[in-house]
Amino acid sequence: MEYLTVLLPSIAMGVIFYFVMKAIFNADRAEREAESAQRNARENAFKPESSPGDESEKQ
């Protein structure tokens, strides 16, 4: 029982640390995905849309 009382605080802190880091990494990934989607939407908004006739003129 002595081992349990000695190890339990360290184990609890390890578990808490794991979940905190997991939440941080998930938030970071979601933020990077949102920024990427916003950047792609901004880039696509300024690109002229090609019509089907444009490709035949290139050939």
N, C-alpha and C. Protein backbone atom coordinates (compact mmCIF):
# COMPACT_ATOMS: atom_id res chain seq x y z
N MET A 1 0.82 -1.20 0.00
CA MET A 1 0.00 0.00 0.00
C MET A 1 0.86 1.26 0.00
N GLU A 2 2.06 1.16 0.55
CA GLU A 2 2.95 2.32 0.56
C GLU A 2 3.31 2.74 -0.86
N TYR A 3 3.51 1.77 -1.73
CA TYR A 3 3.89 2.08 -3.11
C TYR A 3 2.78 2.85 -3.81
N LEU A 4 1.56 2.48 -3.52
CA LEU A 4 0.43 3.15 -4.15
C LEU A 4 0.36 4.62 -3.73
N THR A 5 0.55 4.89 -2.45
CA THR A 5 0.48 6.28 -1.99
C THR A 5 1.66 7.10 -2.52
N VAL A 6 2.77 6.44 -2.81
CA VAL A 6 3.92 7.15 -3.35
C VAL A 6 3.73 7.41 -4.85
N LEU A 7 3.21 6.44 -5.57
CA LEU A 7 3.10 6.55 -7.02
C LEU A 7 1.82 7.23 -7.51
N LEU A 8 0.78 7.21 -6.72
CA LEU A 8 -0.50 7.75 -7.16
C LEU A 8 -0.44 9.22 -7.57
N PRO A 9 0.21 10.12 -6.84
CA PRO A 9 0.27 11.51 -7.30
C PRO A 9 0.98 11.66 -8.65
N SER A 10 2.06 10.92 -8.84
CA SER A 10 2.78 11.00 -10.12
C SER A 10 1.94 10.46 -11.26
N ILE A 11 1.25 9.38 -11.03
CA ILE A 11 0.38 8.80 -12.06
C ILE A 11 -0.75 9.76 -12.39
N ALA A 12 -1.35 10.36 -11.37
CA ALA A 12 -2.45 11.31 -11.59
C ALA A 12 -1.96 12.51 -12.39
N MET A 13 -0.79 13.03 -12.04
CA MET A 13 -0.24 14.17 -12.79
C MET A 13 0.07 13.78 -14.23
N GLY A 14 0.54 12.57 -14.44
CA GLY A 14 0.81 12.09 -15.80
C GLY A 14 -0.45 12.01 -16.63
N VAL A 15 -1.52 11.53 -16.02
CA VAL A 15 -2.80 11.42 -16.74
C VAL A 15 -3.34 12.81 -17.06
N ILE A 16 -3.27 13.71 -16.09
CA ILE A 16 -3.74 15.09 -16.33
C ILE A 16 -2.90 15.74 -17.43
N PHE A 17 -1.59 15.57 -17.36
CA PHE A 17 -0.69 16.13 -18.37
C PHE A 17 -1.04 15.59 -19.75
N TYR A 18 -1.32 14.30 -19.85
CA TYR A 18 -1.68 13.68 -21.13
C TYR A 18 -2.92 14.35 -21.73
N PHE A 19 -3.96 14.52 -20.92
CA PHE A 19 -5.20 15.09 -21.45
C PHE A 19 -5.04 16.58 -21.78
N VAL A 20 -4.25 17.30 -21.01
CA VAL A 20 -4.01 18.71 -21.32
C VAL A 20 -3.26 18.84 -22.64
N MET A 21 -2.21 18.05 -22.81
CA MET A 21 -1.44 18.11 -24.06
C MET A 21 -2.29 17.67 -25.25
N LYS A 22 -3.12 16.66 -25.06
CA LYS A 22 -4.00 16.20 -26.14
C LYS A 22 -4.95 17.33 -26.55
N ALA A 23 -5.50 18.05 -25.58
CA ALA A 23 -6.41 19.15 -25.89
C ALA A 23 -5.67 20.28 -26.61
N ILE A 24 -4.45 20.56 -26.19
CA ILE A 24 -3.66 21.62 -26.84
C ILE A 24 -3.37 21.25 -28.29
N PHE A 25 -2.94 20.01 -28.53
CA PHE A 25 -2.63 19.60 -29.89
C PHE A 25 -3.88 19.56 -30.77
N ASN A 26 -5.01 19.13 -30.23
CA ASN A 26 -6.25 19.14 -31.01
C ASN A 26 -6.67 20.57 -31.36
N ALA A 27 -6.54 21.49 -30.42
CA ALA A 27 -6.89 22.88 -30.70
C ALA A 27 -5.95 23.47 -31.74
N ASP A 28 -4.67 23.14 -31.66
CA ASP A 28 -3.70 23.65 -32.63
C ASP A 28 -4.00 23.11 -34.02
N ARG A 29 -4.32 21.82 -34.11
CA ARG A 29 -4.64 21.23 -35.41
C ARG A 29 -5.89 21.87 -36.00
N ALA A 30 -6.90 22.08 -35.17
CA ALA A 30 -8.14 22.69 -35.66
C ALA A 30 -7.88 24.12 -36.13
N GLU A 31 -7.03 24.85 -35.41
CA GLU A 31 -6.72 26.22 -35.82
C GLU A 31 -5.96 26.24 -37.14
N ARG A 32 -5.01 25.32 -37.32
CA ARG A 32 -4.27 25.27 -38.58
C ARG A 32 -5.18 24.89 -39.73
N GLU A 33 -6.12 23.98 -39.51
CA GLU A 33 -7.07 23.60 -40.57
C GLU A 33 -7.97 24.78 -40.93
N ALA A 34 -8.42 25.53 -39.93
CA ALA A 34 -9.28 26.69 -40.19
C ALA A 34 -8.52 27.77 -40.95
N GLU A 35 -7.27 28.01 -40.57
CA GLU A 35 -6.47 29.01 -41.28
C GLU A 35 -6.21 28.58 -42.72
N SER A 36 -5.96 27.29 -42.92
CA SER A 36 -5.73 26.78 -44.27
C SER A 36 -6.99 26.91 -45.12
N ALA A 37 -8.13 26.59 -44.55
CA ALA A 37 -9.38 26.71 -45.29
C ALA A 37 -9.66 28.17 -45.64
N GLN A 38 -9.38 29.06 -44.70
CA GLN A 38 -9.60 30.48 -44.96
C GLN A 38 -8.64 30.98 -46.04
N ARG A 39 -7.39 30.54 -45.99
CA ARG A 39 -6.41 30.95 -47.00
C ARG A 39 -6.82 30.42 -48.37
N ASN A 40 -7.27 29.16 -48.44
CA ASN A 40 -7.70 28.59 -49.72
C ASN A 40 -8.92 29.31 -50.26
N ALA A 41 -9.85 29.66 -49.39
CA ALA A 41 -11.04 30.38 -49.84
C ALA A 41 -10.67 31.76 -50.37
N ARG A 42 -9.73 32.42 -49.71
CA ARG A 42 -9.28 33.73 -50.16
C ARG A 42 -8.58 33.63 -51.51
N GLU A 43 -7.72 32.63 -51.68
CA GLU A 43 -7.01 32.45 -52.95
C GLU A 43 -7.97 32.09 -54.08
N ASN A 44 -8.94 31.25 -53.81
CA ASN A 44 -9.89 30.84 -54.84
C ASN A 44 -10.85 31.96 -55.20
N ALA A 45 -11.07 32.89 -54.30
CA ALA A 45 -11.99 34.00 -54.58
C ALA A 45 -11.40 34.94 -55.63
N PHE A 46 -10.08 35.04 -55.70
CA PHE A 46 -9.44 35.96 -56.64
C PHE A 46 -9.06 35.31 -57.95
N LYS A 47 -9.17 34.00 -58.05
CA LYS A 47 -8.83 33.32 -59.30
C LYS A 47 -10.02 33.38 -60.25
N PRO A 48 -9.79 33.73 -61.50
CA PRO A 48 -10.91 33.72 -62.46
C PRO A 48 -11.29 32.27 -62.77
N GLU A 49 -12.56 32.05 -62.88
CA GLU A 49 -13.02 30.70 -63.21
C GLU A 49 -12.80 30.43 -64.69
N SER A 50 -12.30 29.26 -65.00
CA SER A 50 -12.07 28.92 -66.41
C SER A 50 -13.35 28.31 -66.98
N SER A 51 -13.66 28.71 -68.19
CA SER A 51 -14.83 28.15 -68.85
C SER A 51 -14.38 26.97 -69.71
N PRO A 52 -15.28 26.09 -70.10
CA PRO A 52 -14.90 24.92 -70.90
C PRO A 52 -14.23 25.31 -72.22
N GLY A 53 -14.55 26.47 -72.77
CA GLY A 53 -13.95 26.90 -74.02
C GLY A 53 -12.49 27.29 -73.87
N ASP A 54 -12.06 27.63 -72.68
CA ASP A 54 -10.68 28.05 -72.46
C ASP A 54 -9.70 26.92 -72.74
N GLU A 55 -10.04 25.71 -72.37
CA GLU A 55 -9.12 24.59 -72.56
C GLU A 55 -8.97 24.24 -74.03
N SER A 56 -10.01 24.39 -74.83
CA SER A 56 -9.90 24.06 -76.25
C SER A 56 -9.04 25.10 -76.98
N GLU A 57 -9.02 26.33 -76.49
CA GLU A 57 -8.19 27.36 -77.10
C GLU A 57 -6.71 27.12 -76.85
N LYS A 58 -6.37 26.45 -75.74
CA LYS A 58 -4.97 26.19 -75.41
C LYS A 58 -4.37 25.13 -76.31
N GLN A 59 -5.18 24.25 -76.84
CA GLN A 59 -4.65 23.13 -77.64
C GLN A 59 -4.32 23.53 -79.02
